Amino acid sequence: MTAPQIIHEQRLKNLDRFEEALERLGVLEAHEAALRAASSTTGLGDPRHPRHDDLVGLAAYQAAAHAALAEAIELKLKAPEAKATKK
């Protein structure tokens, strides 16, 4: 396996781990759909993740990921409030 292949495989593993973490945080399917839609602006390569040389796709993916992460954090922060008001 060549160095670029190793880097590519590691990058995909890291992206998968990130998406799994978002899923554990309760990120909505709409955000996952946004990640998929943003994954490639060129229509080439992996349909799940943007290509390393697709700068627009990378930016769109990162923006969708940040939006998902922000909403997940907001939901987690509101969870204690919801529990407190039910008591």
PDB file of N, CA and C in Angstrom:
ATOM      1  N   MET A   1       0.853  -1.171   0.000  1.00  0.00           N
ATOM      2  CA  MET A   1       0.000   0.000   0.000  1.00  0.00           C
ATOM      3  C   MET A   1       0.901   1.238   0.000  1.00  0.00           C
ATOM      4  N   THR A   2       0.588   2.182  -0.855  1.00  0.00           N
ATOM      5  CA  THR A   2       1.400   3.391  -0.954  1.00  0.00           C
ATOM      6  C   THR A   2       0.978   4.415   0.098  1.00  0.00           C
ATOM      7  N   ALA A   3       1.834   5.388   0.322  1.00  0.00           N
ATOM      8  CA  ALA A   3       1.548   6.429   1.318  1.00  0.00           C
ATOM      9  C   ALA A   3       0.235   7.156   1.023  1.00  0.00           C
ATOM     10  N   PRO A   4      -0.049   7.578  -0.222  1.00  0.00           N
ATOM     11  CA  PRO A   4      -1.335   8.233  -0.479  1.00  0.00           C
ATOM     12  C   PRO A   4      -2.539   7.337  -0.170  1.00  0.00           C
ATOM     13  N   GLN A   5      -2.412   6.037  -0.424  1.00  0.00           N
ATOM     14  CA  GLN A   5      -3.504   5.122  -0.110  1.00  0.00           C
ATOM     15  C   GLN A   5      -3.715   5.018   1.397  1.00  0.00           C
ATOM     16  N   ILE A   6      -2.622   4.964   2.138  1.00  0.00           N
ATOM     17  CA  ILE A   6      -2.707   4.894   3.600  1.00  0.00           C
ATOM     18  C   ILE A   6      -3.377   6.154   4.146  1.00  0.00           C
ATOM     19  N   ILE A   7      -2.972   7.296   3.643  1.00  0.00           N
ATOM     20  CA  ILE A   7      -3.559   8.572   4.081  1.00  0.00           C
ATOM     21  C   ILE A   7      -5.045   8.607   3.750  1.00  0.00           C
ATOM     22  N   HIS A   8      -5.404   8.172   2.554  1.00  0.00           N
ATOM     23  CA  HIS A   8      -6.811   8.160   2.139  1.00  0.00           C
ATOM     24  C   HIS A   8      -7.630   7.239   3.045  1.00  0.00           C
ATOM     25  N   GLU A   9      -7.135   6.049   3.320  1.00  0.00           N
ATOM     26  CA  GLU A   9      -7.843   5.108   4.186  1.00  0.00           C
ATOM     27  C   GLU A   9      -8.021   5.682   5.592  1.00  0.00           C
ATOM     28  N   GLN A  10      -6.976   6.306   6.120  1.00  0.00           N
ATOM     29  CA  GLN A  10      -7.064   6.900   7.458  1.00  0.00           C
ATOM     30  C   GLN A  10      -8.065   8.041   7.487  1.00  0.00           C
ATOM     31  N   ARG A  11      -8.075   8.842   6.438  1.00  0.00           N
ATOM     32  CA  ARG A  11      -9.019   9.959   6.341  1.00  0.00           C
ATOM     33  C   ARG A  11     -10.456   9.437   6.348  1.00  0.00           C
ATOM     34  N   LEU A  12     -10.731   8.394   5.582  1.00  0.00           N
ATOM     35  CA  LEU A  12     -12.076   7.830   5.549  1.00  0.00           C
ATOM     36  C   LEU A  12     -12.467   7.243   6.900  1.00  0.00           C
ATOM     37  N   LYS A  13     -11.541   6.593   7.585  1.00  0.00           N
ATOM     38  CA  LYS A  13     -11.832   6.058   8.913  1.00  0.00           C
ATOM     39  C   LYS A  13     -12.170   7.183   9.887  1.00  0.00           C
ATOM     40  N   ASN A  14     -11.413   8.273   9.821  1.00  0.00           N
ATOM     41  CA  ASN A  14     -11.675   9.412  10.701  1.00  0.00           C
ATOM     42  C   ASN A  14     -13.034  10.033  10.410  1.00  0.00           C
ATOM     43  N   LEU A  15     -13.389  10.163   9.133  1.00  0.00           N
ATOM     44  CA  LEU A  15     -14.700  10.704   8.779  1.00  0.00           C
ATOM     45  C   LEU A  15     -15.810   9.789   9.275  1.00  0.00           C
ATOM     46  N   ASP A  16     -15.628   8.487   9.134  1.00  0.00           N
ATOM     47  CA  ASP A  16     -16.625   7.537   9.632  1.00  0.00           C
ATOM     48  C   ASP A  16     -16.774   7.648  11.145  1.00  0.00           C
ATOM     49  N   ARG A  17     -15.655   7.758  11.866  1.00  0.00           N
ATOM     50  CA  ARG A  17     -15.713   7.911  13.325  1.00  0.00           C
ATOM     51  C   ARG A  17     -16.435   9.198  13.711  1.00  0.00           C
ATOM     52  N   PHE A  18     -16.176  10.280  12.972  1.00  0.00           N
ATOM     53  CA  PHE A  18     -16.850  11.549  13.241  1.00  0.00           C
ATOM     54  C   PHE A  18     -18.356  11.401  13.055  1.00  0.00           C
ATOM     55  N   GLU A  19     -18.761  10.766  11.961  1.00  0.00           N
ATOM     56  CA  GLU A  19     -20.187  10.607  11.704  1.00  0.00           C
ATOM     57  C   GLU A  19     -20.842   9.685  12.731  1.00  0.00           C
ATOM     58  N   GLU A  20     -20.137   8.669  13.185  1.00  0.00           N
ATOM     59  CA  GLU A  20     -20.659   7.801  14.236  1.00  0.00           C
ATOM     60  C   GLU A  20     -20.848   8.583  15.534  1.00  0.00           C
ATOM     61  N   ALA A  21     -19.929   9.478  15.830  1.00  0.00           N
ATOM     62  CA  ALA A  21     -20.052  10.311  17.030  1.00  0.00           C
ATOM     63  C   ALA A  21     -21.268  11.223  16.921  1.00  0.00           C
ATOM     64  N   LEU A  22     -21.487  11.795  15.745  1.00  0.00           N
ATOM     65  CA  LEU A  22     -22.673  12.627  15.551  1.00  0.00           C
ATOM     66  C   LEU A  22     -23.941  11.803  15.754  1.00  0.00           C
ATOM     67  N   GLU A  23     -23.932  10.585  15.261  1.00  0.00           N
ATOM     68  CA  GLU A  23     -25.092   9.718  15.410  1.00  0.00           C
ATOM     69  C   GLU A  23     -25.368   9.430  16.884  1.00  0.00           C
ATOM     70  N   ARG A  24     -24.320   9.159  17.657  1.00  0.00           N
ATOM     71  CA  ARG A  24     -24.488   8.912  19.093  1.00  0.00           C
ATOM     72  C   ARG A  24     -25.027  10.142  19.810  1.00  0.00           C
ATOM     73  N   LEU A  25     -24.709  11.323  19.300  1.00  0.00           N
ATOM     74  CA  LEU A  25     -25.216  12.553  19.904  1.00  0.00           C
ATOM     75  C   LEU A  25     -26.674  12.821  19.547  1.00  0.00           C
ATOM     76  N   GLY A  26     -27.212  12.018  18.657  1.00  0.00           N
ATOM     77  CA  GLY A  26     -28.617  12.181  18.294  1.00  0.00           C
ATOM     78  C   GLY A  26     -28.851  13.135  17.146  1.00  0.00           C
ATOM     79  N   VAL A  27     -27.880  13.273  16.282  1.00  0.00           N
ATOM     80  CA  VAL A  27     -28.037  14.160  15.138  1.00  0.00           C
ATOM     81  C   VAL A  27     -29.142  13.628  14.237  1.00  0.00           C
ATOM     82  N   LEU A  28     -29.948  14.520  13.754  1.00  0.00           N
ATOM     83  CA  LEU A  28     -31.093  14.147  12.943  1.00  0.00           C
ATOM     84  C   LEU A  28     -30.691  13.632  11.570  1.00  0.00           C
ATOM     85  N   GLU A  29     -31.578  12.840  10.977  1.00  0.00           N
ATOM     86  CA  GLU A  29     -31.324  12.304   9.650  1.00  0.00           C
ATOM     87  C   GLU A  29     -31.170  13.420   8.615  1.00  0.00           C
ATOM     88  N   ALA A  30     -31.835  14.549   8.855  1.00  0.00           N
ATOM     89  CA  ALA A  30     -31.714  15.672   7.926  1.00  0.00           C
ATOM     90  C   ALA A  30     -30.268  16.142   7.827  1.00  0.00           C
ATOM     91  N   HIS A  31     -29.565  16.130   8.955  1.00  0.00           N
ATOM     92  CA  HIS A  31     -28.166  16.533   8.935  1.00  0.00           C
ATOM     93  C   HIS A  31     -27.311  15.506   8.210  1.00  0.00           C
ATOM     94  N   GLU A  32     -27.635  14.238   8.408  1.00  0.00           N
ATOM     95  CA  GLU A  32     -26.888  13.205   7.693  1.00  0.00           C
ATOM     96  C   GLU A  32     -27.115  13.352   6.190  1.00  0.00           C
ATOM     97  N   ALA A  33     -28.330  13.676   5.799  1.00  0.00           N
ATOM     98  CA  ALA A  33     -28.623  13.898   4.381  1.00  0.00           C
ATOM     99  C   ALA A  33     -27.840  15.100   3.858  1.00  0.00           C
ATOM    100  N   ALA A  34     -27.709  16.133   4.692  1.00  0.00           N
ATOM    101  CA  ALA A  34     -26.937  17.312   4.283  1.00  0.00           C
ATOM    102  C   ALA A  34     -25.466  16.963   4.102  1.00  0.00           C
ATOM    103  N   LEU A  35     -24.945  16.108   4.980  1.00  0.00           N
ATOM    104  CA  LEU A  35     -23.558  15.660   4.838  1.00  0.00           C
ATOM    105  C   LEU A  35     -23.380  14.902   3.523  1.00  0.00           C
ATOM    106  N   ARG A  36     -24.329  14.030   3.221  1.00  0.00           N
ATOM    107  CA  ARG A  36     -24.251  13.260   1.969  1.00  0.00           C
ATOM    108  C   ARG A  36     -24.344  14.175   0.754  1.00  0.00           C
ATOM    109  N   ALA A  37     -25.255  15.147   0.808  1.00  0.00           N
ATOM    110  CA  ALA A  37     -25.425  16.057  -0.326  1.00  0.00           C
ATOM    111  C   ALA A  37     -24.195  16.927  -0.527  1.00  0.00           C
ATOM    112  N   ALA A  38     -23.545  17.260   0.569  1.00  0.00           N
ATOM    113  CA  ALA A  38     -22.369  18.121   0.497  1.00  0.00           C
ATOM    114  C   ALA A  38     -21.098  17.350   0.204  1.00  0.00           C
ATOM    115  N   SER A  39     -21.201  16.022   0.168  1.00  0.00           N
ATOM    116  CA  SER A  39     -19.990  15.213   0.089  1.00  0.00           C
ATOM    117  C   SER A  39     -19.222  15.394  -1.205  1.00  0.00           C
ATOM    118  N   SER A  40     -19.874  15.734  -2.264  1.00  0.00           N
ATOM    119  CA  SER A  40     -19.138  15.921  -3.518  1.00  0.00           C
ATOM    120  C   SER A  40     -19.851  16.913  -4.404  1.00  0.00           C
ATOM    121  N   THR A  41     -19.167  17.938  -4.766  1.00  0.00           N
ATOM    122  CA  THR A  41     -19.730  18.904  -5.708  1.00  0.00           C
ATOM    123  C   THR A  41     -19.394  18.523  -7.128  1.00  0.00           C
ATOM    124  N   THR A  42     -18.523  17.535  -7.288  1.00  0.00           N
ATOM    125  CA  THR A  42     -18.116  17.126  -8.635  1.00  0.00           C
ATOM    126  C   THR A  42     -18.830  15.875  -9.107  1.00  0.00           C
ATOM    127  N   GLY A  43     -19.450  15.132  -8.176  1.00  0.00           N
ATOM    128  CA  GLY A  43     -20.104  13.885  -8.542  1.00  0.00           C
ATOM    129  C   GLY A  43     -19.128  12.746  -8.777  1.00  0.00           C
ATOM    130  N   LEU A  44     -17.875  12.934  -8.425  1.00  0.00           N
ATOM    131  CA  LEU A  44     -16.855  11.908  -8.624  1.00  0.00           C
ATOM    132  C   LEU A  44     -16.432  11.330  -7.288  1.00  0.00           C
ATOM    133  N   GLY A  45     -15.903  10.139  -7.322  1.00  0.00           N
ATOM    134  CA  GLY A  45     -15.310   9.563  -6.113  1.00  0.00           C
ATOM    135  C   GLY A  45     -16.328   8.991  -5.164  1.00  0.00           C
ATOM    136  N   ASP A  46     -15.954   8.929  -3.892  1.00  0.00           N
ATOM    137  CA  ASP A  46     -16.749   8.329  -2.836  1.00  0.00           C
ATOM    138  C   ASP A  46     -18.039   9.127  -2.638  1.00  0.00           C
ATOM    139  N   PRO A  47     -19.194   8.476  -2.711  1.00  0.00           N
ATOM    140  CA  PRO A  47     -20.454   9.214  -2.526  1.00  0.00           C
ATOM    141  C   PRO A  47     -20.701   9.634  -1.083  1.00  0.00           C
ATOM    142  N   ARG A  48     -19.911   9.107  -0.138  1.00  0.00           N
ATOM    143  CA  ARG A  48     -20.114   9.447   1.269  1.00  0.00           C
ATOM    144  C   ARG A  48     -19.247  10.596   1.750  1.00  0.00           C
ATOM    145  N   HIS A  49     -18.098  10.804   1.140  1.00  0.00           N
ATOM    146  CA  HIS A  49     -17.161  11.818   1.621  1.00  0.00           C
ATOM    147  C   HIS A  49     -16.598  12.608   0.447  1.00  0.00           C
ATOM    148  N   PRO A  50     -16.310  13.890   0.664  1.00  0.00           N
ATOM    149  CA  PRO A  50     -15.727  14.692  -0.425  1.00  0.00           C
ATOM    150  C   PRO A  50     -14.299  14.249  -0.741  1.00  0.00           C
ATOM    151  N   ARG A  51     -13.938  14.439  -1.983  1.00  0.00           N
ATOM    152  CA  ARG A  51     -12.564  14.131  -2.397  1.00  0.00           C
ATOM    153  C   ARG A  51     -11.615  15.145  -1.763  1.00  0.00           C
ATOM    154  N   HIS A  52     -10.380  14.743  -1.542  1.00  0.00           N
ATOM    155  CA  HIS A  52      -9.402  15.636  -0.906  1.00  0.00           C
ATOM    156  C   HIS A  52      -9.099  16.853  -1.771  1.00  0.00           C
ATOM    157  N   ASP A  53      -9.307  16.762  -3.081  1.00  0.00           N
ATOM    158  CA  ASP A  53      -9.011  17.886  -3.961  1.00  0.00           C
ATOM    159  C   ASP A  53     -10.268  18.659  -4.369  1.00  0.00           C
ATOM    160  N   ASP A  54     -11.395  18.336  -3.772  1.00  0.00           N
ATOM    161  CA  ASP A  54     -12.662  19.022  -4.052  1.00  0.00           C
ATOM    162  C   ASP A  54     -12.889  20.062  -2.949  1.00  0.00           C
ATOM    163  N   LEU A  55     -12.312  21.229  -3.125  1.00  0.00           N
ATOM    164  CA  LEU A  55     -12.340  22.241  -2.066  1.00  0.00           C
ATOM    165  C   LEU A  55     -13.750  22.723  -1.747  1.00  0.00           C
ATOM    166  N   VAL A  56     -14.583  22.867  -2.755  1.00  0.00           N
ATOM    167  CA  VAL A  56     -15.958  23.288  -2.504  1.00  0.00           C
ATOM    168  C   VAL A  56     -16.713  22.186  -1.754  1.00  0.00           C
ATOM    169  N   GLY A  57     -16.512  20.947  -2.165  1.00  0.00           N
ATOM    170  CA  GLY A  57     -17.151  19.828  -1.475  1.00  0.00           C
ATOM    171  C   GLY A  57     -16.686  19.718  -0.035  1.00  0.00           C
ATOM    172  N   LEU A  58     -15.395  19.910   0.202  1.00  0.00           N
ATOM    173  CA  LEU A  58     -14.865  19.875   1.569  1.00  0.00           C
ATOM    174  C   LEU A  58     -15.476  20.985   2.418  1.00  0.00           C
ATOM    175  N   ALA A  59     -15.569  22.177   1.863  1.00  0.00           N
ATOM    176  CA  ALA A  59     -16.153  23.301   2.603  1.00  0.00           C
ATOM    177  C   ALA A  59     -17.628  23.046   2.902  1.00  0.00           C
ATOM    178  N   ALA A  60     -18.359  22.522   1.923  1.00  0.00           N
ATOM    179  CA  ALA A  60     -19.779  22.234   2.133  1.00  0.00           C
ATOM    180  C   ALA A  60     -19.963  21.141   3.177  1.00  0.00           C
ATOM    181  N   TYR A  61     -19.127  20.115   3.110  1.00  0.00           N
ATOM    182  CA  TYR A  61     -19.196  19.017   4.084  1.00  0.00           C
ATOM    183  C   TYR A  61     -18.900  19.551   5.482  1.00  0.00           C
ATOM    184  N   GLN A  62     -17.868  20.369   5.607  1.00  0.00           N
ATOM    185  CA  GLN A  62     -17.519  20.915   6.915  1.00  0.00           C
ATOM    186  C   GLN A  62     -18.631  21.809   7.448  1.00  0.00           C
ATOM    187  N   ALA A  63     -19.248  22.601   6.596  1.00  0.00           N
ATOM    188  CA  ALA A  63     -20.346  23.460   7.044  1.00  0.00           C
ATOM    189  C   ALA A  63     -21.521  22.614   7.529  1.00  0.00           C
ATOM    190  N   ALA A  64     -21.854  21.558   6.786  1.00  0.00           N
ATOM    191  CA  ALA A  64     -22.937  20.674   7.201  1.00  0.00           C
ATOM    192  C   ALA A  64     -22.588  19.967   8.509  1.00  0.00           C
ATOM    193  N   ALA A  65     -21.332  19.559   8.647  1.00  0.00           N
ATOM    194  CA  ALA A  65     -20.894  18.894   9.873  1.00  0.00           C
ATOM    195  C   ALA A  65     -20.963  19.843  11.065  1.00  0.00           C
ATOM    196  N   HIS A  66     -20.546  21.074  10.885  1.00  0.00           N
ATOM    197  CA  HIS A  66     -20.603  22.049  11.980  1.00  0.00           C
ATOM    198  C   HIS A  66     -22.047  22.328  12.382  1.00  0.00           C
ATOM    199  N   ALA A  67     -22.942  22.430  11.402  1.00  0.00           N
ATOM    200  CA  ALA A  67     -24.355  22.653  11.711  1.00  0.00           C
ATOM    201  C   ALA A  67     -24.919  21.479  12.507  1.00  0.00           C
ATOM    202  N   ALA A  68     -24.574  20.258  12.100  1.00  0.00           N
ATOM    203  CA  ALA A  68     -25.049  19.068  12.813  1.00  0.00           C
ATOM    204  C   ALA A  68     -24.501  19.026  14.225  1.00  0.00           C
ATOM    205  N   LEU A  69     -23.232  19.322  14.372  1.00  0.00           N
ATOM    206  CA  LEU A  69     -22.604  19.308  15.685  1.00  0.00           C
ATOM    207  C   LEU A  69     -23.208  20.381  16.589  1.00  0.00           C
ATOM    208  N   ALA A  70     -23.445  21.565  16.056  1.00  0.00           N
ATOM    209  CA  ALA A  70     -24.044  22.649  16.841  1.00  0.00           C
ATOM    210  C   ALA A  70     -25.437  22.264  17.317  1.00  0.00           C
ATOM    211  N   GLU A  71     -26.235  21.642  16.442  1.00  0.00           N
ATOM    212  CA  GLU A  71     -27.578  21.240  16.850  1.00  0.00           C
ATOM    213  C   GLU A  71     -27.524  20.129  17.886  1.00  0.00           C
ATOM    214  N   ALA A  72     -26.601  19.183  17.725  1.00  0.00           N
ATOM    215  CA  ALA A  72     -26.474  18.106  18.699  1.00  0.00           C
ATOM    216  C   ALA A  72     -26.103  18.655  20.075  1.00  0.00           C
ATOM    217  N   ILE A  73     -25.193  19.604  20.102  1.00  0.00           N
ATOM    218  CA  ILE A  73     -24.799  20.219  21.372  1.00  0.00           C
ATOM    219  C   ILE A  73     -25.974  20.966  21.987  1.00  0.00           C
ATOM    220  N   GLU A  74     -26.701  21.689  21.156  1.00  0.00           N
ATOM    221  CA  GLU A  74     -27.870  22.417  21.647  1.00  0.00           C
ATOM    222  C   GLU A  74     -28.897  21.456  22.246  1.00  0.00           C
ATOM    223  N   LEU A  75     -29.148  20.335  21.573  1.00  0.00           N
ATOM    224  CA  LEU A  75     -30.095  19.347  22.090  1.00  0.00           C
ATOM    225  C   LEU A  75     -29.617  18.776  23.421  1.00  0.00           C
ATOM    226  N   LYS A  76     -28.326  18.483  23.526  1.00  0.00           N
ATOM    227  CA  LYS A  76     -27.787  17.934  24.770  1.00  0.00           C
ATOM    228  C   LYS A  76     -27.856  18.950  25.903  1.00  0.00           C
ATOM    229  N   LEU A  77     -27.643  20.223  25.591  1.00  0.00           N
ATOM    230  CA  LEU A  77     -27.706  21.254  26.625  1.00  0.00           C
ATOM    231  C   LEU A  77     -29.135  21.483  27.091  1.00  0.00           C
ATOM    232  N   LYS A  78     -30.093  21.314  26.198  1.00  0.00           N
ATOM    233  CA  LYS A  78     -31.495  21.507  26.567  1.00  0.00           C
ATOM    234  C   LYS A  78     -32.081  20.306  27.286  1.00  0.00           C
ATOM    235  N   ALA A  79     -31.458  19.142  27.160  1.00  0.00           N
ATOM    236  CA  ALA A  79     -31.989  17.922  27.771  1.00  0.00           C
ATOM    237  C   ALA A  79     -32.156  18.056  29.288  1.00  0.00           C
ATOM    238  N   PRO A  80     -31.160  18.570  30.020  1.00  0.00           N
ATOM    239  CA  PRO A  80     -31.357  18.726  31.475  1.00  0.00           C
ATOM    240  C   PRO A  80     -32.505  19.678  31.797  1.00  0.00           C
ATOM    241  N   GLU A  81     -32.691  20.715  30.984  1.00  0.00           N
ATOM    242  CA  GLU A  81     -33.791  21.653  31.197  1.00  0.00           C
ATOM    243  C   GLU A  81     -35.134  20.958  31.049  1.00  0.00           C
ATOM    244  N   ALA A  82     -35.241  20.104  30.042  1.00  0.00           N
ATOM    245  CA  ALA A  82     -36.488  19.382  29.808  1.00  0.00           C
ATOM    246  C   ALA A  82     -36.782  18.440  30.965  1.00  0.00           C
ATOM    247  N   LYS A  83     -35.752  17.765  31.495  1.00  0.00           N
ATOM    248  CA  LYS A  83     -35.931  16.873  32.625  1.00  0.00           C
ATOM    249  C   LYS A  83     -36.340  17.645  33.871  1.00  0.00           C
ATOM    250  N   ALA A  84     -35.766  18.829  34.063  1.00  0.00           N
ATOM    251  CA  ALA A  84     -36.076  19.631  35.248  1.00  0.00           C
ATOM    252  C   ALA A  84     -37.514  20.146  35.216  1.00  0.00           C
ATOM    253  N   THR A  85     -38.027  20.484  34.059  1.00  0.00           N
ATOM    254  CA  THR A  85     -39.383  21.003  33.977  1.00  0.00           C
ATOM    255  C   THR A  85     -40.418  19.893  34.113  1.00  0.00           C
ATOM    256  N   LYS A  86     -40.062  18.632  33.870  1.00  0.00           N
ATOM    257  CA  LYS A  86     -40.998  17.511  34.003  1.00  0.00           C
ATOM    258  C   LYS A  86     -41.205  17.118  35.450  1.00  0.00           C
ATOM    259  N   LYS A  87     -40.274  17.446  36.332  1.00  0.00           N
ATOM    260  CA  LYS A  87     -40.368  17.031  37.745  1.00  0.00           C
ATOM    261  C   LYS A  87     -41.402  17.803  38.489  1.00  0.00           C
TER     262      LYS A  87
END
